[in-house]
Amino acid sequence: MATFKTISSADIKTTRTTLNQLVDFVEEDVSGSATRKKFEVFVTSSGTNAVTSSLFQTVFDQNYTLQTANEIFDLTFGVHSGSATAFSASLGVDTNGKILFTSQSLMMREKINIYRQFSQTLLGDASAKFRAPFSSTTSTDDIDNALFLCFKRLFVRDGVKRETFAMRFFQSSSAGHASDAHPTNIGITATNPSSGSVIFTDVGAASSIERSQFGGDVGNIVLASDTSQTVGLMFYQKGVAVLDMERALNPSQIMTGSLSAVGATGVGYISASFVPHFVASASMDQVLDHVASTRFGSGSNTFLTFQNNTKINSTLVFCRATADEFNYSSNPSYTDSEGRIVVIDESEQGTQKSFSFVSTVGLYDANEELLATAKLSRPVEKNDEKDLTFRVRLDF
C-alpha cells in the first residue's frame, strides 16, 4: 500500500501572480473586406433607396471564413441622444415619446441605442455621457459621438496593462483624384490616407488611474505628441477603447461621396462635414467601412499594440519527506515472500539499507481519494540519509 502523510495548513501557501503578453494588430486586418465580418440586421424598405447595414463589424486576423480565423475586436460607434448630432437631425418627439428624424438621416435610433448600451455597461447609466478625461465635470469634455473598439478576451485576457496601449491613427482621409468628376473620400475603393498619422496612447494612466463602478479601471487616451489633449478612454478590465470622434478624427473635414439616404431620390451625393452630417446621414456600415479602411492604414505594419494581464492563482503544497519516511516502495516486488528487501547485490542482502526512487506525488482528500498527481521530471532517490521537500504547484 502507498504511504500517506497528513499535510497541515503550514505546508500550504497561496499566491497570485500576473503574466503579461504583448499583442499587436496589423493594419490590413482592419482595412480588408475579407477580414472584417458584417452582421447585416438593419434593412429598410425595398427599392432604389433600400439600405442594409450592420450594427457593428468584427475584425479577424485572417479571412473570417477560415476555421483558423480568430476574432480580434468589434468595431462600432454611437451617438448620444442629447448631442448636437442628434439635435440637428431631429424633428422632435411623437406622442409615444419616440424621437423623429429627417429623411436625410439614417439609423439614428440605432446609433443612439448603441451609445446607451455602452453607457449602461461601462458607466452603469444608459443616459450618462462619456467624458474625456474620465473625471471631468465640464460639458466641453463630453464624448457625443463615440467610436468603440471592443477587444476580444482571447487577446485581453484579464485586462489591458496600464500605459502599454498605443495606436497609430489617421485623423483625416484624402479624397480621390482631382480629375475625377466626383472625388470621394467615403467609398472604400477610392481612398488612401495621405495626411499623416498620429499616435494615441494611455501614457500617465498608471499614476492617475480612475475607476468606474461598473467598468473597472479607466485610463485617459491622449495624443502622444501633446498629452494635454485627451481623445478617449480605455476601460482596462473590459478591454474597451472609447474614442471621441470629434477629437480623434477631424470633425470638420468635408466628406464627399454617395449615400443611399432614406427619402432621397436615387443615390444622393453629399459634400458635408464628418460631424454631424456624415455621421447622421450615412448608415453604420458606411461609417464603419470608411473608418476601418482609411483611418488605420492598409499595409502590413502594426497599427495598435498593448500588453494584457493574465492573473494566475496558485496553491503551493510542500510535501516533506523526513529521513525516516518514504524509504520503501509500495511495489510488491520490492520485498520477497519473507518480507526481506530484494536487492541487486545478493552478498549485501542482510546489510543493505532500504531506499526508493520517488517519481510521483499524489494529493488525496480525507477519504484517501486521489485528487491530483504531480510527476517528477526524473526519479529522485530517497533514503534514510536524505530529507526531501517536494513543492507541488496548482495553477488556476
Protein backbone atom coordinates (compact mmCIF):
# COMPACT_ATOMS: atom_id res chain seq x y z
CA MET A 1 0.00 0.00 0.00
CA ALA A 2 1.00 3.58 -0.51
CA THR A 3 2.23 5.54 2.46
CA PHE A 4 0.15 8.58 3.41
CA LYS A 5 1.21 11.68 5.26
CA THR A 6 -1.10 14.40 6.51
CA ILE A 7 -0.41 17.87 5.11
CA SER A 8 -1.02 20.69 7.56
CA SER A 9 -2.05 24.27 6.80
CA ALA A 10 1.57 25.30 7.39
CA ASP A 11 2.53 23.26 4.33
CA ILE A 12 0.11 25.10 2.02
CA LYS A 13 0.62 28.59 0.62
CA THR A 14 -1.49 30.52 -1.88
CA THR A 15 -0.04 33.11 -4.24
CA ARG A 16 -1.28 35.32 -7.08
CA THR A 17 0.91 36.36 -9.98
CA THR A 18 0.33 38.28 -13.21
CA LEU A 19 1.59 37.21 -16.61
CA ASN A 20 1.96 39.90 -19.30
CA GLN A 21 1.79 39.18 -23.00
CA LEU A 22 2.48 41.64 -25.81
CA VAL A 23 -0.15 41.68 -28.57
CA ASP A 24 -0.27 43.77 -31.71
CA PHE A 25 -2.66 44.12 -34.62
CA VAL A 26 -1.89 44.59 -38.31
CA GLU A 27 -3.35 47.36 -40.48
CA GLU A 28 -4.58 45.18 -43.31
CA ASP A 29 -6.65 43.08 -40.90
CA VAL A 30 -8.83 46.13 -40.26
CA SER A 31 -8.89 47.63 -43.73
CA GLY A 32 -9.51 44.39 -45.61
CA SER A 33 -13.05 43.44 -46.52
CA ALA A 34 -12.36 39.70 -46.16
CA THR A 35 -11.09 40.12 -42.60
CA ARG A 36 -14.00 42.30 -41.47
CA LYS A 37 -17.25 40.46 -40.98
CA LYS A 38 -20.55 42.31 -41.18
CA PHE A 39 -23.76 41.26 -39.48
CA GLU A 40 -26.42 42.93 -41.59
CA VAL A 41 -29.52 43.07 -39.42
CA PHE A 42 -30.90 46.50 -40.34
CA VAL A 43 -32.96 46.57 -43.55
CA THR A 44 -35.09 49.43 -44.88
CA SER A 45 -37.96 49.13 -47.35
CA SER A 46 -37.13 47.75 -50.78
CA GLY A 47 -36.46 49.98 -53.75
CA THR A 48 -33.80 52.34 -55.06
CA ASN A 49 -33.02 53.75 -51.64
CA ALA A 50 -33.05 50.43 -49.76
CA VAL A 51 -30.30 50.15 -47.17
CA THR A 52 -28.94 47.04 -45.48
CA SER A 53 -26.49 47.57 -42.65
CA SER A 54 -24.86 46.07 -39.60
CA LEU A 55 -24.83 47.48 -36.10
CA PHE A 56 -21.18 46.51 -35.65
CA GLN A 57 -18.38 44.77 -37.52
CA THR A 58 -15.92 42.15 -36.26
CA VAL A 59 -12.27 42.24 -37.29
CA PHE A 60 -10.43 38.91 -37.74
CA ASP A 61 -6.73 38.13 -38.01
CA GLN A 62 -7.29 36.44 -41.40
CA ASN A 63 -10.13 35.63 -43.77
CA TYR A 64 -13.07 35.15 -41.45
CA THR A 65 -14.41 32.22 -43.49
CA LEU A 66 -11.45 30.09 -42.41
CA GLN A 67 -11.80 27.88 -39.36
CA THR A 68 -8.44 29.08 -38.03
CA ALA A 69 -9.51 32.75 -38.02
CA ASN A 70 -9.53 34.48 -34.64
CA GLU A 71 -11.78 37.41 -33.72
CA ILE A 72 -9.64 40.42 -32.77
CA PHE A 73 -12.13 43.13 -31.86
CA ASP A 74 -15.58 44.51 -32.60
CA LEU A 75 -15.90 47.96 -34.15
CA THR A 76 -18.94 50.19 -33.79
CA PHE A 77 -19.97 53.74 -32.92
CA GLY A 78 -22.78 55.55 -31.16
CA VAL A 79 -24.36 58.98 -30.80
CA HIS A 80 -25.65 60.44 -27.55
CA SER A 81 -29.33 61.40 -27.67
CA GLY A 82 -28.56 64.87 -26.30
CA SER A 83 -25.71 65.61 -28.71
CA ALA A 84 -25.65 68.27 -31.41
CA THR A 85 -25.58 65.46 -33.99
CA ALA A 86 -28.88 64.04 -32.78
CA PHE A 87 -30.39 67.51 -32.33
CA SER A 88 -29.53 68.65 -35.85
CA ALA A 89 -31.23 65.61 -37.37
CA SER A 90 -34.23 65.53 -35.03
CA LEU A 91 -37.76 66.63 -35.88
CA GLY A 92 -38.98 66.35 -32.33
CA VAL A 93 -40.78 63.62 -30.42
CA ASP A 94 -44.09 61.92 -31.29
CA THR A 95 -46.94 61.22 -28.89
CA ASN A 96 -45.34 57.92 -27.87
CA GLY A 97 -42.05 59.57 -26.92
CA LYS A 98 -40.20 58.27 -29.97
CA ILE A 99 -37.64 60.66 -31.46
CA LEU A 100 -38.35 61.61 -35.07
CA PHE A 101 -35.59 62.31 -37.59
CA THR A 102 -35.28 63.85 -41.02
CA SER A 103 -35.27 61.70 -44.17
CA GLN A 104 -31.64 62.75 -44.79
CA SER A 105 -30.54 60.93 -41.62
CA LEU A 106 -30.26 57.18 -41.29
CA MET A 107 -30.26 54.71 -38.39
CA MET A 108 -30.21 57.48 -35.79
CA ARG A 109 -32.20 55.45 -33.27
CA GLU A 110 -29.77 52.55 -33.68
CA LYS A 111 -26.78 54.87 -33.24
CA ILE A 112 -28.33 56.30 -30.08
CA ASN A 113 -29.13 52.84 -28.72
CA ILE A 114 -25.55 51.67 -29.26
CA TYR A 115 -24.30 54.61 -27.20
CA ARG A 116 -26.85 53.82 -24.47
CA GLN A 117 -25.78 50.19 -24.30
CA PHE A 118 -22.14 51.10 -23.73
CA SER A 119 -23.11 53.76 -21.18
CA GLN A 120 -25.12 51.18 -19.26
CA THR A 121 -22.33 48.59 -19.36
CA LEU A 122 -19.37 50.86 -18.61
CA LEU A 123 -20.94 53.70 -16.62
CA GLY A 124 -23.95 51.99 -15.09
CA ASP A 125 -26.38 54.55 -16.52
CA ALA A 126 -27.81 54.32 -20.03
CA SER A 127 -28.46 58.06 -20.16
CA ALA A 128 -24.95 59.05 -19.00
CA LYS A 129 -22.33 60.61 -21.24
CA PHE A 130 -18.74 59.53 -21.59
CA ARG A 131 -16.27 62.30 -20.81
CA ALA A 132 -12.58 62.52 -21.50
CA PRO A 133 -10.79 62.99 -19.17
CA PHE A 134 -12.96 60.50 -17.31
CA SER A 135 -13.26 62.52 -14.09
CA SER A 136 -14.09 65.77 -15.88
CA THR A 137 -17.27 67.60 -14.93
CA THR A 138 -17.06 70.03 -17.85
CA SER A 139 -19.56 69.64 -20.68
CA THR A 140 -16.90 70.63 -23.21
CA ASP A 141 -15.22 67.28 -22.47
CA ASP A 142 -18.34 65.30 -23.42
CA ILE A 143 -17.97 62.48 -25.92
CA ASP A 144 -21.09 62.98 -28.03
CA ASN A 145 -20.05 60.76 -30.93
CA ALA A 146 -18.10 57.73 -29.73
CA LEU A 147 -16.11 55.13 -31.66
CA PHE A 148 -15.97 51.85 -29.72
CA LEU A 149 -13.21 49.24 -30.08
CA CYS A 150 -14.11 46.12 -28.09
CA PHE A 151 -11.13 43.77 -27.92
CA LYS A 152 -11.78 40.06 -27.54
CA ARG A 153 -10.88 38.16 -24.39
CA LEU A 154 -8.50 35.94 -26.39
CA PHE A 155 -6.20 38.98 -26.53
CA VAL A 156 -7.28 40.99 -23.47
CA ARG A 157 -7.35 38.00 -21.08
CA ASP A 158 -7.94 39.52 -17.61
CA GLY A 159 -7.35 43.10 -18.72
CA VAL A 160 -5.10 45.52 -20.53
CA LYS A 161 -1.94 46.55 -18.70
CA ARG A 162 -1.79 50.26 -17.94
CA GLU A 163 0.47 52.50 -20.01
CA THR A 164 1.01 49.88 -22.72
CA PHE A 165 -1.77 50.95 -25.11
CA ALA A 166 -0.62 52.70 -28.29
CA MET A 167 -2.46 53.17 -31.59
CA ARG A 168 -1.47 54.71 -34.90
CA PHE A 169 -4.41 56.60 -36.38
CA PHE A 170 -5.15 58.84 -39.36
CA GLN A 171 -7.26 61.81 -38.30
CA SER A 172 -8.12 62.73 -41.91
CA SER A 173 -8.54 60.86 -45.17
CA SER A 174 -7.70 62.06 -48.64
CA ALA A 175 -10.22 62.42 -51.44
CA GLY A 176 -9.99 60.83 -54.86
CA HIS A 177 -8.08 62.34 -57.75
CA ALA A 178 -8.96 65.94 -58.56
CA SER A 179 -9.56 64.90 -62.16
CA ASP A 180 -12.47 62.70 -61.10
CA ALA A 181 -15.93 64.06 -61.74
CA HIS A 182 -16.85 63.40 -58.12
CA PRO A 183 -13.73 62.81 -55.99
CA THR A 184 -14.77 60.77 -52.98
CA ASN A 185 -13.30 60.06 -49.57
CA ILE A 186 -16.24 57.96 -48.41
CA GLY A 187 -16.10 54.93 -50.69
CA ILE A 188 -13.63 52.30 -49.55
CA THR A 189 -12.15 51.76 -53.03
CA ALA A 190 -11.00 55.30 -53.82
CA THR A 191 -9.43 56.33 -50.52
CA ASN A 192 -5.84 56.39 -49.40
CA PRO A 193 -4.68 58.04 -46.16
CA SER A 194 -2.07 60.60 -47.04
CA SER A 195 -2.50 63.32 -44.45
CA GLY A 196 -0.16 61.75 -41.91
CA SER A 197 -0.90 59.79 -38.78
CA VAL A 198 -0.77 60.42 -35.05
CA ILE A 199 -0.18 58.16 -32.07
CA PHE A 200 -2.79 57.73 -29.36
CA THR A 201 -1.61 56.32 -26.04
CA ASP A 202 -2.62 55.94 -22.41
CA VAL A 203 0.66 57.32 -21.05
CA GLY A 204 0.25 58.60 -17.49
CA ALA A 205 -2.57 56.19 -16.68
CA ALA A 206 -0.52 54.28 -14.09
CA SER A 207 -0.15 57.36 -11.88
CA SER A 208 -3.60 58.83 -12.49
CA ILE A 209 -5.81 55.76 -12.69
CA GLU A 210 -9.52 56.33 -12.32
CA ARG A 211 -12.28 53.85 -11.63
CA SER A 212 -15.81 53.26 -12.80
CA GLN A 213 -18.07 51.27 -10.52
CA PHE A 214 -19.29 49.20 -13.46
CA GLY A 215 -16.48 49.46 -16.00
CA GLY A 216 -13.49 48.96 -13.69
CA ASP A 217 -10.21 50.85 -14.08
CA VAL A 218 -10.25 53.66 -16.63
CA GLY A 219 -7.33 55.45 -18.27
CA ASN A 220 -7.35 58.51 -20.50
CA ILE A 221 -6.21 58.07 -24.09
CA VAL A 222 -4.16 61.09 -25.12
CA LEU A 223 -2.27 62.39 -28.11
CA ALA A 224 1.33 61.21 -27.76
CA SER A 225 2.74 64.46 -29.16
CA ASP A 226 0.65 66.55 -26.76
CA THR A 227 -0.55 64.64 -23.70
CA SER A 228 -2.75 67.57 -22.66
CA GLN A 229 -5.12 66.61 -25.49
CA THR A 230 -7.39 63.77 -24.39
CA VAL A 231 -9.09 61.91 -27.24
CA GLY A 232 -10.77 59.00 -25.47
CA LEU A 233 -10.93 56.47 -22.67
CA MET A 234 -9.55 52.97 -22.07
CA PHE A 235 -11.52 50.58 -19.85
CA TYR A 236 -8.82 48.12 -18.87
CA GLN A 237 -10.75 45.20 -17.39
CA LYS A 238 -13.46 45.37 -20.06
CA GLY A 239 -10.96 45.75 -22.91
CA VAL A 240 -12.93 48.60 -24.49
CA ALA A 241 -11.45 51.74 -26.02
CA VAL A 242 -13.81 54.71 -26.42
CA LEU A 243 -12.62 57.36 -28.87
CA ASP A 244 -14.20 60.79 -29.25
CA MET A 245 -14.90 61.08 -32.98
CA GLU A 246 -14.74 64.87 -32.73
CA ARG A 247 -11.23 64.83 -31.27
CA ALA A 248 -9.69 61.61 -32.56
CA LEU A 249 -10.83 62.47 -36.09
CA ASN A 250 -11.09 65.79 -37.89
CA PRO A 251 -14.82 66.58 -37.45
CA SER A 252 -14.88 69.47 -39.91
CA GLN A 253 -13.32 67.55 -42.79
CA ILE A 254 -15.57 67.65 -45.83
CA MET A 255 -16.84 64.20 -46.75
CA THR A 256 -17.80 63.68 -50.39
CA GLY A 257 -19.41 60.65 -51.91
CA SER A 258 -22.62 58.73 -52.44
CA LEU A 259 -25.06 57.86 -49.67
CA SER A 260 -28.26 55.89 -50.06
CA ALA A 261 -30.11 58.13 -47.65
CA VAL A 262 -33.69 57.13 -46.98
CA GLY A 263 -36.06 59.65 -48.55
CA ALA A 264 -33.63 60.81 -51.20
CA THR A 265 -34.37 60.46 -54.88
CA GLY A 266 -31.92 57.89 -56.11
CA VAL A 267 -28.46 57.74 -54.59
CA GLY A 268 -27.61 61.10 -53.05
CA TYR A 269 -24.18 62.66 -53.50
CA ILE A 270 -23.19 64.62 -50.40
CA SER A 271 -20.46 67.10 -49.61
CA ALA A 272 -20.62 67.92 -45.92
CA SER A 273 -18.63 67.74 -42.70
CA PHE A 274 -17.77 64.46 -40.98
CA VAL A 275 -19.59 65.56 -37.82
CA PRO A 276 -22.51 65.93 -37.73
CA HIS A 277 -23.61 65.40 -41.35
CA PHE A 278 -21.76 62.24 -42.41
CA VAL A 279 -22.27 60.55 -39.03
CA ALA A 280 -26.01 61.32 -39.14
CA SER A 281 -26.69 60.68 -42.84
CA ALA A 282 -24.66 57.53 -43.50
CA SER A 283 -25.58 54.02 -42.44
CA MET A 284 -23.50 52.44 -39.70
CA ASP A 285 -21.79 50.18 -42.21
CA GLN A 286 -20.81 53.14 -44.39
CA VAL A 287 -19.27 54.97 -41.44
CA LEU A 288 -17.50 51.84 -40.19
CA ASP A 289 -16.27 50.93 -43.68
CA HIS A 290 -14.84 54.42 -44.06
CA VAL A 291 -13.14 54.44 -40.64
CA ALA A 292 -11.78 50.90 -40.96
CA SER A 293 -10.44 51.34 -44.49
CA THR A 294 -8.94 54.82 -44.20
CA ARG A 295 -8.03 55.57 -40.58
CA PHE A 296 -5.93 52.55 -39.57
CA GLY A 297 -3.80 52.17 -42.70
CA SER A 298 -3.82 49.28 -45.16
CA GLY A 299 -0.31 47.83 -45.06
CA SER A 300 1.41 45.08 -43.09
CA ASN A 301 2.54 47.40 -40.30
CA THR A 302 1.31 47.30 -36.72
CA PHE A 303 -1.34 49.92 -36.00
CA LEU A 304 -2.20 49.03 -32.40
CA THR A 305 -0.42 47.30 -29.54
CA PHE A 306 -0.78 46.69 -25.83
CA GLN A 307 0.14 44.19 -23.14
CA ASN A 308 -2.53 42.10 -21.50
CA ASN A 309 -2.75 40.76 -17.95
CA THR A 310 -3.32 37.11 -17.12
CA LYS A 311 -3.87 36.58 -13.40
CA ILE A 312 -2.66 33.22 -12.17
CA ASN A 313 -3.86 31.95 -8.79
CA SER A 314 -1.55 29.28 -7.40
CA THR A 315 -1.65 26.90 -4.47
CA LEU A 316 1.76 25.65 -3.34
CA VAL A 317 1.75 22.39 -1.41
CA PHE A 318 5.04 21.47 0.30
CA CYS A 319 5.26 17.70 0.63
CA ARG A 320 8.00 16.94 3.11
CA ALA A 321 9.69 13.56 3.48
CA THR A 322 11.96 13.29 6.53
CA ALA A 323 14.92 10.91 6.77
CA ASP A 324 12.82 8.06 8.17
CA GLU A 325 9.90 8.45 5.75
CA PHE A 326 9.14 7.10 2.27
CA ASN A 327 12.27 4.92 2.10
CA TYR A 328 10.28 1.90 0.96
CA SER A 329 8.46 1.27 -2.28
CA SER A 330 4.83 0.14 -2.34
CA ASN A 331 5.62 -2.06 -5.34
CA PRO A 332 5.02 -5.74 -4.38
CA SER A 333 8.31 -6.76 -5.99
CA TYR A 334 10.23 -4.59 -3.52
CA THR A 335 10.27 -7.42 -0.91
CA ASP A 336 10.34 -11.19 -1.18
CA SER A 337 7.90 -13.71 0.31
CA GLU A 338 9.63 -13.41 3.69
CA GLY A 339 9.37 -9.62 3.74
CA ARG A 340 13.04 -9.04 3.05
CA ILE A 341 14.17 -6.31 0.65
CA VAL A 342 15.06 -7.63 -2.77
CA VAL A 343 18.48 -6.21 -3.54
CA ILE A 344 20.69 -6.30 -6.58
CA ASP A 345 23.83 -7.42 -4.76
CA GLU A 346 22.97 -10.71 -3.01
CA SER A 347 26.12 -10.58 -0.87
CA GLU A 348 24.82 -7.47 0.85
CA GLN A 349 21.27 -8.70 1.29
CA GLY A 350 21.48 -8.66 5.02
CA THR A 351 23.18 -5.30 5.38
CA GLN A 352 21.88 -3.09 2.55
CA LYS A 353 19.68 -0.23 3.70
CA SER A 354 16.31 0.40 2.15
CA PHE A 355 15.85 3.13 -0.41
CA SER A 356 13.33 4.17 -3.06
CA PHE A 357 13.02 6.39 -6.10
CA VAL A 358 10.28 8.98 -5.94
CA SER A 359 8.64 9.55 -9.33
CA THR A 360 5.13 10.68 -8.43
CA VAL A 361 3.48 12.69 -5.65
CA GLY A 362 -0.24 12.18 -5.12
CA LEU A 363 -2.60 14.52 -3.29
CA TYR A 364 -5.54 12.83 -1.55
CA ASP A 365 -8.58 14.01 0.34
CA ALA A 366 -9.64 12.88 3.82
CA ASN A 367 -11.22 9.74 2.35
CA GLU A 368 -7.97 8.76 0.64
CA GLU A 369 -9.39 9.52 -2.79
CA LEU A 370 -6.83 10.78 -5.30
CA LEU A 371 -7.35 14.43 -6.30
CA ALA A 372 -4.19 15.29 -8.20
CA THR A 373 -0.85 13.82 -9.19
CA ALA A 374 2.48 15.52 -9.78
CA LYS A 375 5.07 13.82 -11.97
CA LEU A 376 8.75 14.49 -11.41
CA SER A 377 10.93 15.14 -14.44
CA ARG A 378 13.20 12.32 -13.24
CA PRO A 379 13.07 9.89 -10.30
CA VAL A 380 14.75 11.15 -7.12
CA GLU A 381 16.46 8.73 -4.73
CA LYS A 382 15.15 8.75 -1.17
CA ASN A 383 16.96 7.01 1.72
CA ASP A 384 17.40 7.44 5.47
CA GLU A 385 20.19 9.97 4.93
CA LYS A 386 18.05 12.41 2.92
CA ASP A 387 15.37 14.85 4.00
CA LEU A 388 13.45 15.94 0.89
CA THR A 389 10.72 18.50 0.21
CA PHE A 390 8.65 18.37 -2.98
CA ARG A 391 6.81 21.53 -3.95
CA VAL A 392 3.59 20.87 -5.85
CA ARG A 393 2.10 23.89 -7.65
CA LEU A 394 -1.54 24.02 -8.69
CA ASP A 395 -2.40 26.91 -11.02
CA PHE A 396 -5.92 28.03 -11.81
